[in-house]
Amino acid sequence: MTLSVYFVTPDGAPDALVLAAVRGGATMVQLRDKHAPDAAMIARARRLRARLAPLGVPLIVNDRLRVALAAAADGLHIGQSDGDPARIRAALGPRAILGLSIETGAQLAALSPGVVDYIGVGPVRATATKPDHAAPLGLDGLARIVRAAPVPAVAIGGVGAADIPDLKSAGCAGLAVVSAISAAPDPEQAARTLARTWSTA
């Protein structure tokens, strides 16, 4: 599991965008769509996993346990309101990747050991991608949570290539991005810039 460039899809993202991100160097993909019905998500997840698996890039489903199981996805990412992580881990099984969004130190302290494989910490900054986000942590708040985390952590929320030195200094295993890739004129090149910057920072 390599978290360095973690691409989270915007709603309705075409497969071509995901594949461009991976060609550029995205190391993990989270399929997120708040509006698509489960059946459509299952079909997309199966199709994408078939393309990503030979490349060694895990496909993670956002929020929807049923979709992750039906599509045999590599894992699931859940938020604080998506259910009990221990129960979800039991349903997923021990081999699947399970990620959890963490917004505060208290949420991290409440996490049972051995349940999740990584955490997504944020938002670092306010972002239009998720208008209902929690209060931004800033780089200092991010670093406090990451230092205390028992599992690898990725930064999310308004972060990009220019932040990578600070994110690495904070102890992050990677950064999770949506618009830094999806809104770029050339998504493949944007992903490549992130990957190269991460590897050389």
N, C-alpha and C. Protein backbone atom coordinates (compact mmCIF):
# COMPACT_ATOMS: atom_id res chain seq x y z
N MET A 1 0.85 -1.19 0.00
CA MET A 1 0.00 0.00 0.00
C MET A 1 0.89 1.24 0.00
N THR A 2 0.88 1.94 -1.12
CA THR A 2 1.65 3.17 -1.25
C THR A 2 0.68 4.34 -1.34
N LEU A 3 0.78 5.26 -0.40
CA LEU A 3 -0.20 6.32 -0.26
C LEU A 3 0.27 7.66 -0.80
N SER A 4 1.43 7.71 -1.42
CA SER A 4 2.06 9.01 -1.71
C SER A 4 1.19 9.94 -2.54
N VAL A 5 0.57 9.44 -3.60
CA VAL A 5 -0.33 10.27 -4.42
C VAL A 5 -1.67 9.53 -4.51
N TYR A 6 -2.59 9.94 -3.68
CA TYR A 6 -3.87 9.26 -3.49
C TYR A 6 -4.94 10.10 -4.18
N PHE A 7 -5.45 9.60 -5.30
CA PHE A 7 -6.42 10.34 -6.10
C PHE A 7 -7.83 9.96 -5.69
N VAL A 8 -8.60 10.96 -5.27
CA VAL A 8 -10.01 10.77 -4.91
C VAL A 8 -10.84 11.35 -6.05
N THR A 9 -11.72 10.55 -6.63
CA THR A 9 -12.45 10.99 -7.81
C THR A 9 -13.55 11.98 -7.45
N PRO A 10 -13.77 12.98 -8.29
CA PRO A 10 -14.95 13.81 -8.13
C PRO A 10 -16.19 13.06 -8.61
N ASP A 11 -17.37 13.53 -8.23
CA ASP A 11 -18.61 12.89 -8.68
C ASP A 11 -18.63 12.82 -10.20
N GLY A 12 -19.01 11.65 -10.71
CA GLY A 12 -19.19 11.49 -12.14
C GLY A 12 -17.91 11.46 -12.95
N ALA A 13 -16.78 11.26 -12.31
CA ALA A 13 -15.50 11.26 -13.03
C ALA A 13 -15.46 10.12 -14.05
N PRO A 14 -15.05 10.40 -15.28
CA PRO A 14 -14.94 9.33 -16.27
C PRO A 14 -13.74 8.43 -15.99
N ASP A 15 -13.82 7.22 -16.47
CA ASP A 15 -12.71 6.29 -16.31
C ASP A 15 -11.42 6.87 -16.88
N ALA A 16 -11.53 7.62 -17.97
CA ALA A 16 -10.33 8.17 -18.61
C ALA A 16 -9.55 9.08 -17.67
N LEU A 17 -10.26 9.80 -16.81
CA LEU A 17 -9.59 10.67 -15.84
C LEU A 17 -8.81 9.84 -14.83
N VAL A 18 -9.42 8.78 -14.35
CA VAL A 18 -8.74 7.90 -13.39
C VAL A 18 -7.49 7.30 -14.00
N LEU A 19 -7.60 6.82 -15.22
CA LEU A 19 -6.47 6.18 -15.87
C LEU A 19 -5.36 7.19 -16.17
N ALA A 20 -5.74 8.43 -16.49
CA ALA A 20 -4.73 9.46 -16.70
C ALA A 20 -3.97 9.74 -15.40
N ALA A 21 -4.70 9.80 -14.29
CA ALA A 21 -4.06 10.04 -13.00
C ALA A 21 -3.06 8.92 -12.68
N VAL A 22 -3.45 7.70 -12.96
CA VAL A 22 -2.58 6.56 -12.67
C VAL A 22 -1.37 6.55 -13.60
N ARG A 23 -1.58 6.87 -14.86
CA ARG A 23 -0.42 6.96 -15.77
C ARG A 23 0.58 8.00 -15.27
N GLY A 24 0.07 9.07 -14.67
CA GLY A 24 0.94 10.11 -14.17
C GLY A 24 1.66 9.75 -12.89
N GLY A 25 1.17 8.75 -12.18
CA GLY A 25 1.85 8.34 -10.96
C GLY A 25 1.00 8.23 -9.72
N ALA A 26 -0.33 8.36 -9.84
CA ALA A 26 -1.20 8.14 -8.68
C ALA A 26 -1.00 6.71 -8.18
N THR A 27 -0.84 6.55 -6.89
CA THR A 27 -0.52 5.24 -6.31
C THR A 27 -1.72 4.55 -5.68
N MET A 28 -2.82 5.28 -5.52
CA MET A 28 -4.04 4.71 -4.98
C MET A 28 -5.20 5.55 -5.51
N VAL A 29 -6.34 4.90 -5.75
CA VAL A 29 -7.52 5.59 -6.26
C VAL A 29 -8.70 5.30 -5.36
N GLN A 30 -9.39 6.36 -4.96
CA GLN A 30 -10.63 6.21 -4.20
C GLN A 30 -11.79 6.62 -5.10
N LEU A 31 -12.69 5.69 -5.33
CA LEU A 31 -13.88 5.96 -6.14
C LEU A 31 -14.95 6.56 -5.24
N ARG A 32 -15.20 7.86 -5.45
CA ARG A 32 -16.19 8.56 -4.64
C ARG A 32 -17.22 9.20 -5.56
N ASP A 33 -18.48 8.95 -5.27
CA ASP A 33 -19.58 9.58 -6.01
C ASP A 33 -20.77 9.58 -5.08
N LYS A 34 -21.16 10.76 -4.63
CA LYS A 34 -22.22 10.88 -3.64
C LYS A 34 -23.61 10.70 -4.25
N HIS A 35 -23.72 10.68 -5.57
CA HIS A 35 -25.04 10.69 -6.20
C HIS A 35 -25.35 9.44 -7.01
N ALA A 36 -24.36 8.73 -7.50
CA ALA A 36 -24.60 7.56 -8.33
C ALA A 36 -25.25 6.44 -7.53
N PRO A 37 -26.22 5.72 -8.12
CA PRO A 37 -26.81 4.57 -7.42
C PRO A 37 -25.79 3.45 -7.24
N ASP A 38 -26.07 2.58 -6.28
CA ASP A 38 -25.13 1.50 -5.98
C ASP A 38 -24.81 0.65 -7.21
N ALA A 39 -25.84 0.33 -8.00
CA ALA A 39 -25.60 -0.55 -9.15
C ALA A 39 -24.59 0.06 -10.11
N ALA A 40 -24.71 1.36 -10.35
CA ALA A 40 -23.77 2.02 -11.25
C ALA A 40 -22.37 2.06 -10.64
N MET A 41 -22.31 2.28 -9.32
CA MET A 41 -21.02 2.30 -8.64
C MET A 41 -20.35 0.94 -8.68
N ILE A 42 -21.13 -0.11 -8.50
CA ILE A 42 -20.57 -1.47 -8.54
C ILE A 42 -19.98 -1.75 -9.92
N ALA A 43 -20.72 -1.39 -10.97
CA ALA A 43 -20.24 -1.62 -12.32
C ALA A 43 -18.96 -0.84 -12.58
N ARG A 44 -18.92 0.42 -12.15
CA ARG A 44 -17.72 1.24 -12.35
C ARG A 44 -16.54 0.69 -11.56
N ALA A 45 -16.80 0.30 -10.33
CA ALA A 45 -15.72 -0.22 -9.50
C ALA A 45 -15.14 -1.50 -10.08
N ARG A 46 -15.98 -2.37 -10.57
CA ARG A 46 -15.48 -3.61 -11.18
C ARG A 46 -14.64 -3.30 -12.41
N ARG A 47 -15.12 -2.38 -13.22
CA ARG A 47 -14.42 -2.02 -14.45
C ARG A 47 -13.07 -1.38 -14.14
N LEU A 48 -13.06 -0.46 -13.19
CA LEU A 48 -11.81 0.21 -12.84
C LEU A 48 -10.82 -0.74 -12.18
N ARG A 49 -11.32 -1.59 -11.32
CA ARG A 49 -10.40 -2.51 -10.65
C ARG A 49 -9.71 -3.42 -11.65
N ALA A 50 -10.45 -3.84 -12.68
CA ALA A 50 -9.85 -4.69 -13.71
C ALA A 50 -8.72 -3.97 -14.44
N ARG A 51 -8.83 -2.65 -14.56
CA ARG A 51 -7.78 -1.87 -15.22
C ARG A 51 -6.63 -1.55 -14.28
N LEU A 52 -6.92 -1.35 -13.01
CA LEU A 52 -5.89 -0.91 -12.07
C LEU A 52 -5.10 -2.05 -11.45
N ALA A 53 -5.74 -3.20 -11.25
CA ALA A 53 -5.07 -4.31 -10.58
C ALA A 53 -3.76 -4.71 -11.27
N PRO A 54 -3.73 -4.83 -12.62
CA PRO A 54 -2.45 -5.20 -13.25
C PRO A 54 -1.36 -4.16 -13.05
N LEU A 55 -1.75 -2.93 -12.72
CA LEU A 55 -0.79 -1.85 -12.50
C LEU A 55 -0.35 -1.75 -11.04
N GLY A 56 -0.96 -2.58 -10.19
CA GLY A 56 -0.61 -2.56 -8.78
C GLY A 56 -1.16 -1.38 -8.01
N VAL A 57 -2.22 -0.76 -8.54
CA VAL A 57 -2.84 0.41 -7.89
C VAL A 57 -4.15 -0.02 -7.25
N PRO A 58 -4.26 0.04 -5.93
CA PRO A 58 -5.49 -0.39 -5.27
C PRO A 58 -6.66 0.55 -5.58
N LEU A 59 -7.86 -0.03 -5.69
CA LEU A 59 -9.09 0.74 -5.84
C LEU A 59 -9.85 0.68 -4.52
N ILE A 60 -10.07 1.85 -3.94
CA ILE A 60 -10.78 1.98 -2.68
C ILE A 60 -12.14 2.62 -2.97
N VAL A 61 -13.19 2.11 -2.37
CA VAL A 61 -14.53 2.68 -2.52
C VAL A 61 -14.81 3.60 -1.34
N ASN A 62 -15.39 4.75 -1.60
CA ASN A 62 -15.74 5.69 -0.56
C ASN A 62 -17.11 5.36 0.04
N ASP A 63 -17.13 5.18 1.35
CA ASP A 63 -18.37 5.09 2.14
C ASP A 63 -19.19 3.81 1.99
N ARG A 64 -19.32 3.30 0.79
CA ARG A 64 -20.35 2.29 0.53
C ARG A 64 -19.81 0.86 0.66
N LEU A 65 -20.07 0.28 1.81
CA LEU A 65 -19.61 -1.08 2.09
C LEU A 65 -20.17 -2.08 1.09
N ARG A 66 -21.45 -1.95 0.78
CA ARG A 66 -22.09 -2.89 -0.14
C ARG A 66 -21.41 -2.86 -1.51
N VAL A 67 -21.07 -1.67 -1.97
CA VAL A 67 -20.40 -1.54 -3.26
C VAL A 67 -19.02 -2.17 -3.21
N ALA A 68 -18.28 -1.89 -2.15
CA ALA A 68 -16.93 -2.44 -2.04
C ALA A 68 -16.95 -3.97 -2.05
N LEU A 69 -17.89 -4.55 -1.33
CA LEU A 69 -17.98 -6.01 -1.28
C LEU A 69 -18.42 -6.59 -2.62
N ALA A 70 -19.45 -6.01 -3.22
CA ALA A 70 -20.00 -6.55 -4.47
C ALA A 70 -19.00 -6.44 -5.61
N ALA A 71 -18.18 -5.38 -5.59
CA ALA A 71 -17.21 -5.16 -6.66
C ALA A 71 -15.86 -5.82 -6.39
N ALA A 72 -15.72 -6.45 -5.22
CA ALA A 72 -14.43 -7.02 -4.81
C ALA A 72 -13.33 -5.96 -4.91
N ALA A 73 -13.67 -4.76 -4.45
CA ALA A 73 -12.68 -3.68 -4.44
C ALA A 73 -11.57 -4.01 -3.45
N ASP A 74 -10.47 -3.28 -3.55
CA ASP A 74 -9.34 -3.54 -2.66
C ASP A 74 -9.57 -3.02 -1.25
N GLY A 75 -10.55 -2.13 -1.10
CA GLY A 75 -10.82 -1.62 0.23
C GLY A 75 -11.92 -0.59 0.25
N LEU A 76 -12.05 0.04 1.40
CA LEU A 76 -13.12 1.00 1.67
C LEU A 76 -12.55 2.14 2.49
N HIS A 77 -13.05 3.35 2.22
CA HIS A 77 -12.71 4.50 3.06
C HIS A 77 -13.99 5.03 3.67
N ILE A 78 -13.99 5.25 4.97
CA ILE A 78 -15.19 5.71 5.66
C ILE A 78 -14.91 7.00 6.41
N GLY A 79 -15.99 7.75 6.62
CA GLY A 79 -15.92 8.96 7.43
C GLY A 79 -16.40 8.69 8.83
N GLN A 80 -16.43 9.72 9.64
CA GLN A 80 -16.82 9.58 11.04
C GLN A 80 -18.29 9.20 11.21
N SER A 81 -19.10 9.49 10.23
CA SER A 81 -20.54 9.20 10.34
C SER A 81 -20.98 7.98 9.54
N ASP A 82 -20.02 7.19 9.09
CA ASP A 82 -20.35 6.06 8.21
C ASP A 82 -20.45 4.72 8.92
N GLY A 83 -20.44 4.73 10.24
CA GLY A 83 -20.59 3.48 10.97
C GLY A 83 -19.37 3.14 11.80
N ASP A 84 -19.52 2.09 12.60
CA ASP A 84 -18.46 1.66 13.50
C ASP A 84 -17.32 1.01 12.73
N PRO A 85 -16.11 1.54 12.80
CA PRO A 85 -15.00 0.95 12.04
C PRO A 85 -14.76 -0.53 12.35
N ALA A 86 -14.92 -0.93 13.60
CA ALA A 86 -14.69 -2.34 13.94
C ALA A 86 -15.72 -3.25 13.26
N ARG A 87 -16.96 -2.80 13.23
CA ARG A 87 -18.00 -3.59 12.55
C ARG A 87 -17.73 -3.67 11.06
N ILE A 88 -17.31 -2.54 10.50
CA ILE A 88 -17.03 -2.51 9.06
C ILE A 88 -15.82 -3.37 8.73
N ARG A 89 -14.81 -3.34 9.58
CA ARG A 89 -13.65 -4.22 9.39
C ARG A 89 -14.08 -5.69 9.39
N ALA A 90 -14.96 -6.06 10.30
CA ALA A 90 -15.43 -7.44 10.37
C ALA A 90 -16.14 -7.84 9.08
N ALA A 91 -16.92 -6.91 8.52
CA ALA A 91 -17.64 -7.21 7.28
C ALA A 91 -16.69 -7.28 6.08
N LEU A 92 -15.68 -6.45 6.07
CA LEU A 92 -14.72 -6.42 4.96
C LEU A 92 -13.79 -7.62 4.96
N GLY A 93 -13.44 -8.07 6.15
CA GLY A 93 -12.44 -9.11 6.27
C GLY A 93 -11.06 -8.51 6.51
N PRO A 94 -10.11 -9.34 6.93
CA PRO A 94 -8.81 -8.84 7.36
C PRO A 94 -7.90 -8.37 6.23
N ARG A 95 -8.13 -8.81 5.00
CA ARG A 95 -7.19 -8.50 3.91
C ARG A 95 -7.50 -7.18 3.21
N ALA A 96 -8.72 -6.71 3.30
CA ALA A 96 -9.08 -5.47 2.62
C ALA A 96 -8.43 -4.27 3.31
N ILE A 97 -8.20 -3.23 2.54
CA ILE A 97 -7.68 -1.98 3.08
C ILE A 97 -8.85 -1.18 3.64
N LEU A 98 -8.71 -0.68 4.85
CA LEU A 98 -9.75 0.17 5.45
C LEU A 98 -9.12 1.48 5.89
N GLY A 99 -9.66 2.58 5.37
CA GLY A 99 -9.20 3.91 5.75
C GLY A 99 -10.30 4.67 6.47
N LEU A 100 -9.91 5.61 7.30
CA LEU A 100 -10.85 6.38 8.11
C LEU A 100 -10.45 7.85 8.10
N SER A 101 -11.44 8.72 7.91
CA SER A 101 -11.20 10.16 7.98
C SER A 101 -11.09 10.59 9.44
N ILE A 102 -10.08 11.37 9.74
CA ILE A 102 -9.86 11.89 11.09
C ILE A 102 -9.77 13.41 11.00
N GLU A 103 -10.59 14.08 11.81
CA GLU A 103 -10.64 15.55 11.78
C GLU A 103 -10.13 16.19 13.06
N THR A 104 -10.04 15.40 14.13
CA THR A 104 -9.62 15.93 15.43
C THR A 104 -8.77 14.92 16.17
N GLY A 105 -8.01 15.42 17.13
CA GLY A 105 -7.24 14.52 17.97
C GLY A 105 -8.12 13.59 18.78
N ALA A 106 -9.30 14.06 19.18
CA ALA A 106 -10.21 13.22 19.96
C ALA A 106 -10.68 12.03 19.14
N GLN A 107 -10.94 12.23 17.86
CA GLN A 107 -11.34 11.12 17.00
C GLN A 107 -10.23 10.09 16.88
N LEU A 108 -9.00 10.56 16.78
CA LEU A 108 -7.87 9.64 16.72
C LEU A 108 -7.75 8.85 18.01
N ALA A 109 -7.92 9.52 19.14
CA ALA A 109 -7.80 8.85 20.44
C ALA A 109 -8.87 7.79 20.63
N ALA A 110 -10.02 7.96 19.98
CA ALA A 110 -11.12 7.02 20.12
C ALA A 110 -10.99 5.80 19.21
N LEU A 111 -10.00 5.80 18.35
CA LEU A 111 -9.84 4.73 17.38
C LEU A 111 -9.30 3.47 18.04
N SER A 112 -10.00 2.37 17.83
CA SER A 112 -9.54 1.09 18.38
C SER A 112 -8.32 0.61 17.60
N PRO A 113 -7.33 0.08 18.28
CA PRO A 113 -6.12 -0.36 17.58
C PRO A 113 -6.39 -1.56 16.67
N GLY A 114 -5.65 -1.61 15.58
CA GLY A 114 -5.71 -2.75 14.69
C GLY A 114 -6.92 -2.81 13.78
N VAL A 115 -7.68 -1.72 13.68
CA VAL A 115 -8.91 -1.75 12.89
C VAL A 115 -8.69 -1.17 11.50
N VAL A 116 -8.04 -0.01 11.41
CA VAL A 116 -7.85 0.63 10.11
C VAL A 116 -6.39 0.53 9.68
N ASP A 117 -6.18 0.66 8.37
CA ASP A 117 -4.84 0.54 7.79
C ASP A 117 -4.18 1.90 7.59
N TYR A 118 -4.99 2.93 7.43
CA TYR A 118 -4.46 4.28 7.27
C TYR A 118 -5.54 5.26 7.67
N ILE A 119 -5.16 6.51 7.87
CA ILE A 119 -6.14 7.56 8.13
C ILE A 119 -5.93 8.70 7.14
N GLY A 120 -7.03 9.36 6.82
CA GLY A 120 -6.99 10.58 6.03
C GLY A 120 -7.22 11.75 6.98
N VAL A 121 -6.25 12.63 7.11
CA VAL A 121 -6.31 13.69 8.11
C VAL A 121 -6.59 15.03 7.43
N GLY A 122 -7.64 15.69 7.89
CA GLY A 122 -7.97 16.97 7.31
C GLY A 122 -9.36 17.43 7.70
N PRO A 123 -9.79 18.51 7.08
CA PRO A 123 -9.11 19.20 6.00
C PRO A 123 -7.95 20.07 6.51
N VAL A 124 -6.87 20.07 5.75
CA VAL A 124 -5.77 20.94 6.09
C VAL A 124 -6.19 22.40 5.88
N ARG A 125 -6.87 22.62 4.76
CA ARG A 125 -7.40 23.95 4.44
C ARG A 125 -8.85 23.80 3.99
N ALA A 126 -9.57 24.90 3.97
CA ALA A 126 -10.92 24.90 3.42
C ALA A 126 -10.86 24.54 1.94
N THR A 127 -11.83 23.77 1.49
CA THR A 127 -11.85 23.34 0.10
C THR A 127 -13.26 23.30 -0.43
N ALA A 128 -13.44 23.73 -1.67
CA ALA A 128 -14.77 23.71 -2.29
C ALA A 128 -15.18 22.31 -2.68
N THR A 129 -14.23 21.37 -2.71
CA THR A 129 -14.56 20.00 -3.08
C THR A 129 -15.53 19.36 -2.10
N LYS A 130 -15.42 19.75 -0.82
CA LYS A 130 -16.29 19.20 0.21
C LYS A 130 -16.78 20.36 1.08
N PRO A 131 -17.88 21.01 0.67
CA PRO A 131 -18.31 22.23 1.38
C PRO A 131 -18.75 22.00 2.83
N ASP A 132 -19.09 20.77 3.20
CA ASP A 132 -19.54 20.50 4.57
C ASP A 132 -18.40 20.00 5.46
N HIS A 133 -17.18 20.33 5.09
CA HIS A 133 -16.03 19.81 5.84
C HIS A 133 -15.95 20.42 7.25
N ALA A 134 -15.16 19.75 8.08
CA ALA A 134 -14.91 20.24 9.44
C ALA A 134 -13.98 21.45 9.38
N ALA A 135 -13.74 22.04 10.54
CA ALA A 135 -12.85 23.20 10.61
C ALA A 135 -11.45 22.81 10.13
N PRO A 136 -10.83 23.64 9.31
CA PRO A 136 -9.48 23.32 8.82
C PRO A 136 -8.48 23.19 9.96
N LEU A 137 -7.59 22.22 9.81
CA LEU A 137 -6.58 21.93 10.83
C LEU A 137 -5.35 22.82 10.71
N GLY A 138 -5.04 23.24 9.49
CA GLY A 138 -3.76 23.90 9.26
C GLY A 138 -2.62 22.89 9.34
N LEU A 139 -1.45 23.30 8.95
CA LEU A 139 -0.31 22.39 8.95
C LEU A 139 0.10 21.97 10.36
N ASP A 140 -0.02 22.86 11.32
CA ASP A 140 0.36 22.50 12.70
C ASP A 140 -0.60 21.47 13.27
N GLY A 141 -1.90 21.67 13.06
CA GLY A 141 -2.88 20.71 13.55
C GLY A 141 -2.73 19.36 12.87
N LEU A 142 -2.45 19.39 11.57
CA LEU A 142 -2.17 18.15 10.84
C LEU A 142 -1.00 17.41 11.47
N ALA A 143 0.08 18.12 11.71
CA ALA A 143 1.29 17.48 12.24
C ALA A 143 1.04 16.85 13.61
N ARG A 144 0.25 17.51 14.45
CA ARG A 144 -0.03 16.94 15.78
C ARG A 144 -0.76 15.60 15.67
N ILE A 145 -1.73 15.52 14.78
CA ILE A 145 -2.48 14.28 14.62
C ILE A 145 -1.60 13.20 13.99
N VAL A 146 -0.86 13.58 12.96
CA VAL A 146 -0.02 12.60 12.27
C VAL A 146 1.03 12.01 13.22
N ARG A 147 1.62 12.85 14.05
CA ARG A 147 2.64 12.35 14.99
C ARG A 147 2.05 11.34 15.97
N ALA A 148 0.79 11.50 16.32
CA ALA A 148 0.16 10.61 17.30
C ALA A 148 -0.47 9.39 16.66
N ALA A 149 -0.54 9.33 15.34
CA ALA A 149 -1.26 8.26 14.65
C ALA A 149 -0.50 6.94 14.71
N PRO A 150 -1.20 5.83 14.96
CA PRO A 150 -0.54 4.52 14.98
C PRO A 150 -0.44 3.88 13.61
N VAL A 151 -1.01 4.53 12.60
CA VAL A 151 -1.01 4.00 11.23
C VAL A 151 -0.59 5.12 10.28
N PRO A 152 -0.22 4.80 9.04
CA PRO A 152 0.14 5.85 8.09
C PRO A 152 -1.01 6.84 7.89
N ALA A 153 -0.64 8.10 7.60
CA ALA A 153 -1.63 9.15 7.43
C ALA A 153 -1.40 9.89 6.13
N VAL A 154 -2.51 10.23 5.48
CA VAL A 154 -2.44 11.09 4.30
C VAL A 154 -3.14 12.40 4.63
N ALA A 155 -2.59 13.49 4.12
CA ALA A 155 -3.20 14.80 4.29
C ALA A 155 -4.23 15.02 3.20
N ILE A 156 -5.35 15.65 3.55
CA ILE A 156 -6.37 15.96 2.55
C ILE A 156 -6.97 17.33 2.86
N GLY A 157 -7.40 17.98 1.80
CA GLY A 157 -8.08 19.26 1.97
C GLY A 157 -7.24 20.44 1.54
N GLY A 158 -7.35 20.82 0.28
CA GLY A 158 -6.67 22.01 -0.20
C GLY A 158 -5.17 21.90 -0.29
N VAL A 159 -4.65 20.67 -0.43
CA VAL A 159 -3.20 20.49 -0.50
C VAL A 159 -2.78 20.20 -1.94
N GLY A 160 -1.53 20.56 -2.25
CA GLY A 160 -1.00 20.33 -3.58
C GLY A 160 0.49 20.17 -3.56
N ALA A 161 1.10 20.24 -4.73
CA ALA A 161 2.54 19.97 -4.85
C ALA A 161 3.37 20.91 -3.99
N ALA A 162 2.98 22.16 -3.88
CA ALA A 162 3.77 23.12 -3.11
C ALA A 162 3.81 22.79 -1.62
N ASP A 163 2.85 21.99 -1.16
CA ASP A 163 2.79 21.63 0.26
C ASP A 163 3.61 20.40 0.60
N ILE A 164 4.07 19.69 -0.40
CA ILE A 164 4.67 18.37 -0.15
C ILE A 164 5.84 18.42 0.82
N PRO A 165 6.77 19.34 0.73
CA PRO A 165 7.86 19.35 1.73
C PRO A 165 7.33 19.46 3.16
N ASP A 166 6.32 20.32 3.38
CA ASP A 166 5.75 20.46 4.72
C ASP A 166 5.02 19.19 5.15
N LEU A 167 4.33 18.56 4.21
CA LEU A 167 3.59 17.33 4.55
C LEU A 167 4.55 16.21 4.91
N LYS A 168 5.64 16.10 4.19
CA LYS A 168 6.63 15.07 4.53
C LYS A 168 7.28 15.37 5.87
N SER A 169 7.56 16.64 6.13
CA SER A 169 8.13 17.02 7.42
C SER A 169 7.19 16.69 8.57
N ALA A 170 5.89 16.78 8.30
CA ALA A 170 4.88 16.47 9.32
C ALA A 170 4.74 14.97 9.55
N GLY A 171 5.33 14.17 8.68
CA GLY A 171 5.26 12.73 8.84
C GLY A 171 4.21 12.04 8.00
N CYS A 172 3.60 12.78 7.07
CA CYS A 172 2.56 12.18 6.23
C CYS A 172 3.16 11.14 5.28
N ALA A 173 2.36 10.11 5.01
CA ALA A 173 2.75 9.08 4.05
C ALA A 173 2.34 9.45 2.64
N GLY A 174 1.57 10.53 2.51
CA GLY A 174 1.13 10.95 1.19
C GLY A 174 0.12 12.07 1.30
N LEU A 175 -0.41 12.47 0.14
CA LEU A 175 -1.47 13.46 0.13
C LEU A 175 -2.60 12.94 -0.74
N ALA A 176 -3.82 13.21 -0.31
CA ALA A 176 -5.01 12.83 -1.05
C ALA A 176 -5.55 14.08 -1.73
N VAL A 177 -5.79 13.98 -3.03
CA VAL A 177 -6.20 15.15 -3.80
C VAL A 177 -7.39 14.81 -4.69
N VAL A 178 -8.19 15.82 -4.93
CA VAL A 178 -9.29 15.72 -5.91
C VAL A 178 -8.99 16.70 -7.04
N SER A 179 -9.22 17.97 -6.79
CA SER A 179 -9.12 18.97 -7.86
C SER A 179 -7.70 19.21 -8.33
N ALA A 180 -6.70 18.95 -7.50
CA ALA A 180 -5.31 19.13 -7.95
C ALA A 180 -5.00 18.30 -9.18
N ILE A 181 -5.74 17.20 -9.36
CA ILE A 181 -5.61 16.39 -10.57
C ILE A 181 -6.81 16.60 -11.48
N SER A 182 -8.02 16.47 -10.94
CA SER A 182 -9.21 16.45 -11.79
C SER A 182 -9.48 17.78 -12.47
N ALA A 183 -9.11 18.90 -11.84
CA ALA A 183 -9.37 20.22 -12.42
C ALA A 183 -8.19 20.75 -13.23
N ALA A 184 -7.12 19.99 -13.30
CA ALA A 184 -5.95 20.44 -14.04
C ALA A 184 -6.19 20.34 -15.55
N PRO A 185 -5.59 21.24 -16.33
CA PRO A 185 -5.72 21.14 -17.78
C PRO A 185 -5.21 19.81 -18.33
N ASP A 186 -4.19 19.27 -17.70
CA ASP A 186 -3.62 17.98 -18.09
C ASP A 186 -3.52 17.12 -16.83
N PRO A 187 -4.55 16.33 -16.53
CA PRO A 187 -4.54 15.55 -15.28
C PRO A 187 -3.35 14.60 -15.16
N GLU A 188 -2.95 14.00 -16.26
CA GLU A 188 -1.80 13.08 -16.20
C GLU A 188 -0.54 13.82 -15.78
N GLN A 189 -0.32 14.99 -16.37
CA GLN A 189 0.87 15.77 -16.01
C GLN A 189 0.77 16.27 -14.58
N ALA A 190 -0.43 16.63 -14.13
CA ALA A 190 -0.60 17.08 -12.74
C ALA A 190 -0.24 15.97 -11.77
N ALA A 191 -0.68 14.75 -12.07
CA ALA A 191 -0.34 13.62 -11.22
C ALA A 191 1.16 13.34 -11.26
N ARG A 192 1.75 13.52 -12.43
CA ARG A 192 3.19 13.28 -12.56
C ARG A 192 3.99 14.30 -11.73
N THR A 193 3.54 15.54 -11.73
CA THR A 193 4.20 16.56 -10.93
C THR A 193 4.12 16.24 -9.45
N LEU A 194 2.94 15.80 -9.01
CA LEU A 194 2.79 15.40 -7.60
C LEU A 194 3.72 14.24 -7.26
N ALA A 195 3.75 13.23 -8.13
CA ALA A 195 4.55 12.04 -7.85
C ALA A 195 6.05 12.39 -7.82
N ARG A 196 6.48 13.21 -8.76
CA ARG A 196 7.91 13.56 -8.82
C ARG A 196 8.29 14.44 -7.63
N THR A 197 7.41 15.36 -7.30
CA THR A 197 7.69 16.24 -6.16
C THR A 197 7.75 15.44 -4.87
N TRP A 198 6.84 14.48 -4.71
CA TRP A 198 6.88 13.65 -3.51
C TRP A 198 8.18 12.86 -3.43
N SER A 199 8.59 12.30 -4.54
CA SER A 199 9.77 11.43 -4.50
C SER A 199 11.06 12.20 -4.28
N THR A 200 11.07 13.49 -4.62
CA THR A 200 12.31 14.26 -4.51
C THR A 200 12.33 15.22 -3.33
N ALA A 201 11.20 15.41 -2.67
CA ALA A 201 11.14 16.39 -1.56
C ALA A 201 11.93 15.89 -0.36
